[in-house]
Amino acid sequence: MQMRVLGAVLGGMFALLAAASVRAADDKPWQYQPDFDYQGSANAKWQEQGVTLPAYPGTSGLIPLQVDNPHFDYFVDPKSVSVGASDYVVRYSVVAQSADGVRNVFFEGIRCDAAVYKTYAYGTGKGPFQPMTGAGWRPIRPKIADGFRFALYRYYFCSGTGVAGNAKALVNRLKYQTDPSDPRSEN
């Protein structure tokens, strides 16, 4: 009798261990797959369209971005905001300006479907843009260094896993600091 109870207990333990090992295999950390079509079917491959650098942003007409960062003020060039017709990447130029007036400028893209960004070009001072070589897609994180990207992703450019509108709508959201997930912000 004791052997049967011991056998049942051991059998139950082995079943729990097997289930735990299967569950552990499913708990692998999420990893971005750059060619996966997050908006379409799992069989389709996402493909990035060609990118043309915009004009280097001046100092006037920039839209201030509300970001909690004690080191920089951020501005988006509204003339640079675009949405890719085939890849749905939101592209934009952002200016990071220190309290001393030093300017760093980035031309970047955000994929709303995958919560990732890519820096296409950078510049300092009055320009011009210097293309980035070998830049890849990186996850957007809500940390100070990525705070402006997270704000653009979360509050202005994306809604769920899709783009929150066309370029004009995205610029309006920036101008009026409206959240695309707020139904009152629809155009």
C-alpha atoms as a PDB file:
ATOM      1  CA  MET A   1       0.000   0.000   0.000  1.00  0.00           C
ATOM      2  CA  GLN A   2       2.788   2.386   0.904  1.00  0.00           C
ATOM      3  CA  MET A   3       4.480   1.614  -2.420  1.00  0.00           C
ATOM      4  CA  ARG A   4       1.344   2.531  -4.339  1.00  0.00           C
ATOM      5  CA  VAL A   5       1.019   5.836  -2.473  1.00  0.00           C
ATOM      6  CA  LEU A   6       4.703   6.550  -3.001  1.00  0.00           C
ATOM      7  CA  GLY A   7       4.331   5.683  -6.705  1.00  0.00           C
ATOM      8  CA  ALA A   8       1.326   7.972  -7.040  1.00  0.00           C
ATOM      9  CA  VAL A   9       3.143  10.817  -5.300  1.00  0.00           C
ATOM     10  CA  LEU A  10       6.241  10.373  -7.463  1.00  0.00           C
ATOM     11  CA  GLY A  11       4.122  10.117 -10.608  1.00  0.00           C
ATOM     12  CA  GLY A  12       2.353  13.344  -9.675  1.00  0.00           C
ATOM     13  CA  MET A  13       5.671  15.076  -9.046  1.00  0.00           C
ATOM     14  CA  PHE A  14       7.018  13.969 -12.436  1.00  0.00           C
ATOM     15  CA  ALA A  15       3.853  15.286 -14.115  1.00  0.00           C
ATOM     16  CA  LEU A  16       4.279  18.645 -12.360  1.00  0.00           C
ATOM     17  CA  LEU A  17       7.951  18.829 -13.345  1.00  0.00           C
ATOM     18  CA  ALA A  18       7.115  18.018 -16.965  1.00  0.00           C
ATOM     19  CA  ALA A  19       4.407  20.677 -17.035  1.00  0.00           C
ATOM     20  CA  ALA A  20       6.783  23.205 -15.446  1.00  0.00           C
ATOM     21  CA  SER A  21       9.483  22.510 -18.027  1.00  0.00           C
ATOM     22  CA  VAL A  22       7.001  22.974 -20.892  1.00  0.00           C
ATOM     23  CA  ARG A  23       5.792  26.214 -19.289  1.00  0.00           C
ATOM     24  CA  ALA A  24       9.400  27.425 -18.858  1.00  0.00           C
ATOM     25  CA  ALA A  25      10.019  26.927 -22.581  1.00  0.00           C
ATOM     26  CA  ASP A  26       7.017  29.193 -23.290  1.00  0.00           C
ATOM     27  CA  ASP A  27       8.311  31.883 -20.897  1.00  0.00           C
ATOM     28  CA  LYS A  28      11.259  32.908 -23.046  1.00  0.00           C
ATOM     29  CA  PRO A  29      11.680  36.685 -23.148  1.00  0.00           C
ATOM     30  CA  TRP A  30      10.054  38.424 -26.088  1.00  0.00           C
ATOM     31  CA  GLN A  31      12.538  39.114 -28.848  1.00  0.00           C
ATOM     32  CA  TYR A  32      11.962  41.530 -31.702  1.00  0.00           C
ATOM     33  CA  GLN A  33      12.003  39.900 -35.137  1.00  0.00           C
ATOM     34  CA  PRO A  34      12.871  42.644 -37.644  1.00  0.00           C
ATOM     35  CA  ASP A  35      11.235  41.058 -40.688  1.00  0.00           C
ATOM     36  CA  PHE A  36       8.059  39.824 -39.008  1.00  0.00           C
ATOM     37  CA  ASP A  37       4.863  41.493 -40.226  1.00  0.00           C
ATOM     38  CA  TYR A  38       3.257  42.424 -36.902  1.00  0.00           C
ATOM     39  CA  GLN A  39       0.273  44.031 -38.646  1.00  0.00           C
ATOM     40  CA  GLY A  40      -0.398  41.221 -41.095  1.00  0.00           C
ATOM     41  CA  SER A  41      -0.180  37.479 -41.110  1.00  0.00           C
ATOM     42  CA  ALA A  42       2.572  35.479 -39.472  1.00  0.00           C
ATOM     43  CA  ASN A  43       3.540  34.163 -42.907  1.00  0.00           C
ATOM     44  CA  ALA A  44       4.076  37.598 -44.415  1.00  0.00           C
ATOM     45  CA  LYS A  45       7.419  39.333 -44.031  1.00  0.00           C
ATOM     46  CA  TRP A  46       7.530  43.013 -43.203  1.00  0.00           C
ATOM     47  CA  GLN A  47       9.714  45.039 -45.520  1.00  0.00           C
ATOM     48  CA  GLU A  48      10.992  48.530 -44.870  1.00  0.00           C
ATOM     49  CA  GLN A  49      10.471  51.019 -47.670  1.00  0.00           C
ATOM     50  CA  GLY A  50      13.232  53.307 -48.888  1.00  0.00           C
ATOM     51  CA  VAL A  51      14.027  56.300 -46.705  1.00  0.00           C
ATOM     52  CA  THR A  52      14.922  59.821 -47.836  1.00  0.00           C
ATOM     53  CA  LEU A  53      16.437  62.219 -45.323  1.00  0.00           C
ATOM     54  CA  PRO A  54      14.328  65.350 -44.765  1.00  0.00           C
ATOM     55  CA  ALA A  55      15.678  68.892 -44.645  1.00  0.00           C
ATOM     56  CA  TYR A  56      17.721  69.590 -41.532  1.00  0.00           C
ATOM     57  CA  PRO A  57      15.474  71.299 -38.957  1.00  0.00           C
ATOM     58  CA  GLY A  58      15.976  74.983 -38.284  1.00  0.00           C
ATOM     59  CA  THR A  59      15.176  76.695 -35.025  1.00  0.00           C
ATOM     60  CA  SER A  60      11.730  78.071 -35.814  1.00  0.00           C
ATOM     61  CA  GLY A  61       8.468  76.163 -36.100  1.00  0.00           C
ATOM     62  CA  LEU A  62       9.598  73.270 -33.895  1.00  0.00           C
ATOM     63  CA  ILE A  63       6.994  71.740 -31.601  1.00  0.00           C
ATOM     64  CA  PRO A  64       8.064  71.342 -27.959  1.00  0.00           C
ATOM     65  CA  LEU A  65       7.610  67.829 -26.615  1.00  0.00           C
ATOM     66  CA  GLN A  66       6.564  67.333 -23.005  1.00  0.00           C
ATOM     67  CA  VAL A  67       9.188  64.939 -21.625  1.00  0.00           C
ATOM     68  CA  ASP A  68      10.428  64.601 -18.067  1.00  0.00           C
ATOM     69  CA  ASN A  69      14.179  64.916 -18.599  1.00  0.00           C
ATOM     70  CA  PRO A  70      16.264  67.286 -16.481  1.00  0.00           C
ATOM     71  CA  HIS A  71      19.092  67.446 -19.041  1.00  0.00           C
ATOM     72  CA  PHE A  72      17.359  68.197 -22.356  1.00  0.00           C
ATOM     73  CA  ASP A  73      14.385  69.931 -23.908  1.00  0.00           C
ATOM     74  CA  TYR A  74      12.947  68.101 -26.925  1.00  0.00           C
ATOM     75  CA  PHE A  75      11.349  69.474 -30.074  1.00  0.00           C
ATOM     76  CA  VAL A  76       9.855  67.753 -33.124  1.00  0.00           C
ATOM     77  CA  ASP A  77      10.142  69.247 -36.602  1.00  0.00           C
ATOM     78  CA  PRO A  78       6.562  69.064 -37.940  1.00  0.00           C
ATOM     79  CA  LYS A  79       7.771  69.235 -41.560  1.00  0.00           C
ATOM     80  CA  SER A  80       9.642  65.952 -41.099  1.00  0.00           C
ATOM     81  CA  VAL A  81       6.758  63.842 -39.738  1.00  0.00           C
ATOM     82  CA  SER A  82       5.629  61.180 -42.205  1.00  0.00           C
ATOM     83  CA  VAL A  83       3.970  57.771 -42.222  1.00  0.00           C
ATOM     84  CA  GLY A  84       5.362  55.146 -44.583  1.00  0.00           C
ATOM     85  CA  ALA A  85       2.819  54.181 -47.233  1.00  0.00           C
ATOM     86  CA  SER A  86       3.863  50.531 -47.312  1.00  0.00           C
ATOM     87  CA  ASP A  87       5.753  49.919 -44.049  1.00  0.00           C
ATOM     88  CA  TYR A  88       3.704  52.164 -41.687  1.00  0.00           C
ATOM     89  CA  VAL A  89       6.827  53.525 -40.018  1.00  0.00           C
ATOM     90  CA  VAL A  90       6.356  56.980 -38.482  1.00  0.00           C
ATOM     91  CA  ARG A  91       9.442  59.005 -39.364  1.00  0.00           C
ATOM     92  CA  TYR A  92      10.359  62.323 -37.735  1.00  0.00           C
ATOM     93  CA  SER A  93      13.207  64.650 -36.789  1.00  0.00           C
ATOM     94  CA  VAL A  94      13.693  65.444 -33.128  1.00  0.00           C
ATOM     95  CA  VAL A  95      15.939  68.088 -31.594  1.00  0.00           C
ATOM     96  CA  ALA A  96      17.402  67.515 -28.130  1.00  0.00           C
ATOM     97  CA  GLN A  97      18.674  70.794 -26.702  1.00  0.00           C
ATOM     98  CA  SER A  98      20.689  71.116 -23.501  1.00  0.00           C
ATOM     99  CA  ALA A  99      20.373  74.028 -21.063  1.00  0.00           C
ATOM    100  CA  ASP A 100      23.623  75.366 -22.594  1.00  0.00           C
ATOM    101  CA  GLY A 101      21.969  75.495 -26.030  1.00  0.00           C
ATOM    102  CA  VAL A 102      23.839  72.512 -27.491  1.00  0.00           C
ATOM    103  CA  ARG A 103      21.646  70.784 -30.093  1.00  0.00           C
ATOM    104  CA  ASN A 104      21.606  67.131 -31.060  1.00  0.00           C
ATOM    105  CA  VAL A 105      19.299  66.222 -33.919  1.00  0.00           C
ATOM    106  CA  PHE A 106      18.046  62.773 -34.881  1.00  0.00           C
ATOM    107  CA  PHE A 107      16.021  61.541 -37.822  1.00  0.00           C
ATOM    108  CA  GLU A 108      14.275  58.384 -36.645  1.00  0.00           C
ATOM    109  CA  GLY A 109      11.444  55.994 -37.300  1.00  0.00           C
ATOM    110  CA  ILE A 110       9.025  54.219 -34.963  1.00  0.00           C
ATOM    111  CA  ARG A 111       7.223  50.967 -35.713  1.00  0.00           C
ATOM    112  CA  CYS A 112       4.029  51.079 -33.679  1.00  0.00           C
ATOM    113  CA  ASP A 113       3.291  47.403 -34.303  1.00  0.00           C
ATOM    114  CA  ALA A 114       6.521  46.276 -32.638  1.00  0.00           C
ATOM    115  CA  ALA A 115       7.350  49.153 -30.216  1.00  0.00           C
ATOM    116  CA  VAL A 116      10.779  49.688 -31.764  1.00  0.00           C
ATOM    117  CA  TYR A 117      12.718  52.626 -33.187  1.00  0.00           C
ATOM    118  CA  LYS A 118      15.561  53.155 -35.602  1.00  0.00           C
ATOM    119  CA  THR A 119      17.891  56.146 -35.964  1.00  0.00           C
ATOM    120  CA  TYR A 120      18.525  56.876 -39.642  1.00  0.00           C
ATOM    121  CA  ALA A 121      20.692  59.977 -39.234  1.00  0.00           C
ATOM    122  CA  TYR A 122      22.028  62.398 -36.648  1.00  0.00           C
ATOM    123  CA  GLY A 123      23.490  65.881 -36.540  1.00  0.00           C
ATOM    124  CA  THR A 124      24.733  68.584 -34.219  1.00  0.00           C
ATOM    125  CA  GLY A 125      24.472  72.338 -34.372  1.00  0.00           C
ATOM    126  CA  LYS A 126      23.250  73.512 -37.764  1.00  0.00           C
ATOM    127  CA  GLY A 127      23.742  70.209 -39.580  1.00  0.00           C
ATOM    128  CA  PRO A 128      23.752  68.560 -41.981  1.00  0.00           C
ATOM    129  CA  PHE A 129      22.415  65.097 -41.193  1.00  0.00           C
ATOM    130  CA  GLN A 130      25.013  62.338 -41.057  1.00  0.00           C
ATOM    131  CA  PRO A 131      23.507  58.982 -42.093  1.00  0.00           C
ATOM    132  CA  MET A 132      23.845  56.173 -39.545  1.00  0.00           C
ATOM    133  CA  THR A 133      25.499  53.085 -40.916  1.00  0.00           C
ATOM    134  CA  GLY A 134      24.394  49.683 -39.708  1.00  0.00           C
ATOM    135  CA  ALA A 135      21.614  51.033 -37.512  1.00  0.00           C
ATOM    136  CA  GLY A 136      19.029  48.470 -36.507  1.00  0.00           C
ATOM    137  CA  TRP A 137      15.658  48.433 -34.810  1.00  0.00           C
ATOM    138  CA  ARG A 138      15.816  48.755 -31.016  1.00  0.00           C
ATOM    139  CA  PRO A 139      13.116  48.401 -28.360  1.00  0.00           C
ATOM    140  CA  ILE A 140      11.540  51.581 -27.002  1.00  0.00           C
ATOM    141  CA  ARG A 141      11.955  51.744 -23.244  1.00  0.00           C
ATOM    142  CA  PRO A 142      10.394  54.193 -20.760  1.00  0.00           C
ATOM    143  CA  LYS A 143      13.766  55.336 -19.362  1.00  0.00           C
ATOM    144  CA  ILE A 144      15.161  58.865 -19.343  1.00  0.00           C
ATOM    145  CA  ALA A 145      17.463  58.251 -22.326  1.00  0.00           C
ATOM    146  CA  ASP A 146      14.533  56.922 -24.385  1.00  0.00           C
ATOM    147  CA  GLY A 147      11.908  59.106 -22.701  1.00  0.00           C
ATOM    148  CA  PHE A 148      11.188  61.206 -25.784  1.00  0.00           C
ATOM    149  CA  ARG A 149      10.816  58.088 -27.941  1.00  0.00           C
ATOM    150  CA  PHE A 150       8.523  56.486 -25.387  1.00  0.00           C
ATOM    151  CA  ALA A 151       6.384  59.663 -25.248  1.00  0.00           C
ATOM    152  CA  LEU A 152       6.140  59.798 -29.055  1.00  0.00           C
ATOM    153  CA  TYR A 153       5.275  56.103 -29.203  1.00  0.00           C
ATOM    154  CA  ARG A 154       2.822  56.045 -26.300  1.00  0.00           C
ATOM    155  CA  TYR A 155       1.059  59.392 -26.511  1.00  0.00           C
ATOM    156  CA  TYR A 156       1.381  60.850 -30.005  1.00  0.00           C
ATOM    157  CA  PHE A 157       2.260  58.495 -32.863  1.00  0.00           C
ATOM    158  CA  CYS A 158       0.781  55.125 -31.944  1.00  0.00           C
ATOM    159  CA  SER A 159      -2.572  53.809 -30.801  1.00  0.00           C
ATOM    160  CA  GLY A 160      -2.470  50.228 -29.648  1.00  0.00           C
ATOM    161  CA  THR A 161      -0.309  48.457 -32.219  1.00  0.00           C
ATOM    162  CA  GLY A 162      -1.134  50.767 -35.114  1.00  0.00           C
ATOM    163  CA  VAL A 163      -0.299  54.273 -36.272  1.00  0.00           C
ATOM    164  CA  ALA A 164      -2.631  56.850 -34.702  1.00  0.00           C
ATOM    165  CA  GLY A 165      -3.387  58.628 -37.988  1.00  0.00           C
ATOM    166  CA  ASN A 166      -1.822  60.268 -41.006  1.00  0.00           C
ATOM    167  CA  ALA A 167       1.087  62.714 -40.738  1.00  0.00           C
ATOM    168  CA  LYS A 168      -1.214  65.745 -40.371  1.00  0.00           C
ATOM    169  CA  ALA A 169      -3.129  64.095 -37.501  1.00  0.00           C
ATOM    170  CA  LEU A 170       0.119  63.163 -35.753  1.00  0.00           C
ATOM    171  CA  VAL A 171       1.429  66.730 -36.042  1.00  0.00           C
ATOM    172  CA  ASN A 172      -1.862  68.033 -34.617  1.00  0.00           C
ATOM    173  CA  ARG A 173      -1.542  65.658 -31.673  1.00  0.00           C
ATOM    174  CA  LEU A 174       1.931  67.042 -31.039  1.00  0.00           C
ATOM    175  CA  LYS A 175       0.819  70.673 -31.404  1.00  0.00           C
ATOM    176  CA  TYR A 176      -2.131  70.311 -29.079  1.00  0.00           C
ATOM    177  CA  GLN A 177      -0.485  67.686 -26.823  1.00  0.00           C
ATOM    178  CA  THR A 178      -3.379  65.289 -27.184  1.00  0.00           C
ATOM    179  CA  ASP A 179      -3.268  61.580 -26.438  1.00  0.00           C
ATOM    180  CA  PRO A 180      -4.301  59.438 -29.442  1.00  0.00           C
ATOM    181  CA  SER A 181      -5.971  56.919 -27.136  1.00  0.00           C
ATOM    182  CA  ASP A 182      -8.312  59.658 -25.889  1.00  0.00           C
ATOM    183  CA  PRO A 183     -11.492  59.581 -28.042  1.00  0.00           C
ATOM    184  CA  ARG A 184     -11.816  63.360 -27.665  1.00  0.00           C
ATOM    185  CA  SER A 185      -8.606  63.820 -29.706  1.00  0.00           C
ATOM    186  CA  GLU A 186     -10.044  62.466 -32.968  1.00  0.00           C
ATOM    187  CA  ASN A 187      -9.949  64.883 -35.914  1.00  0.00           C
END
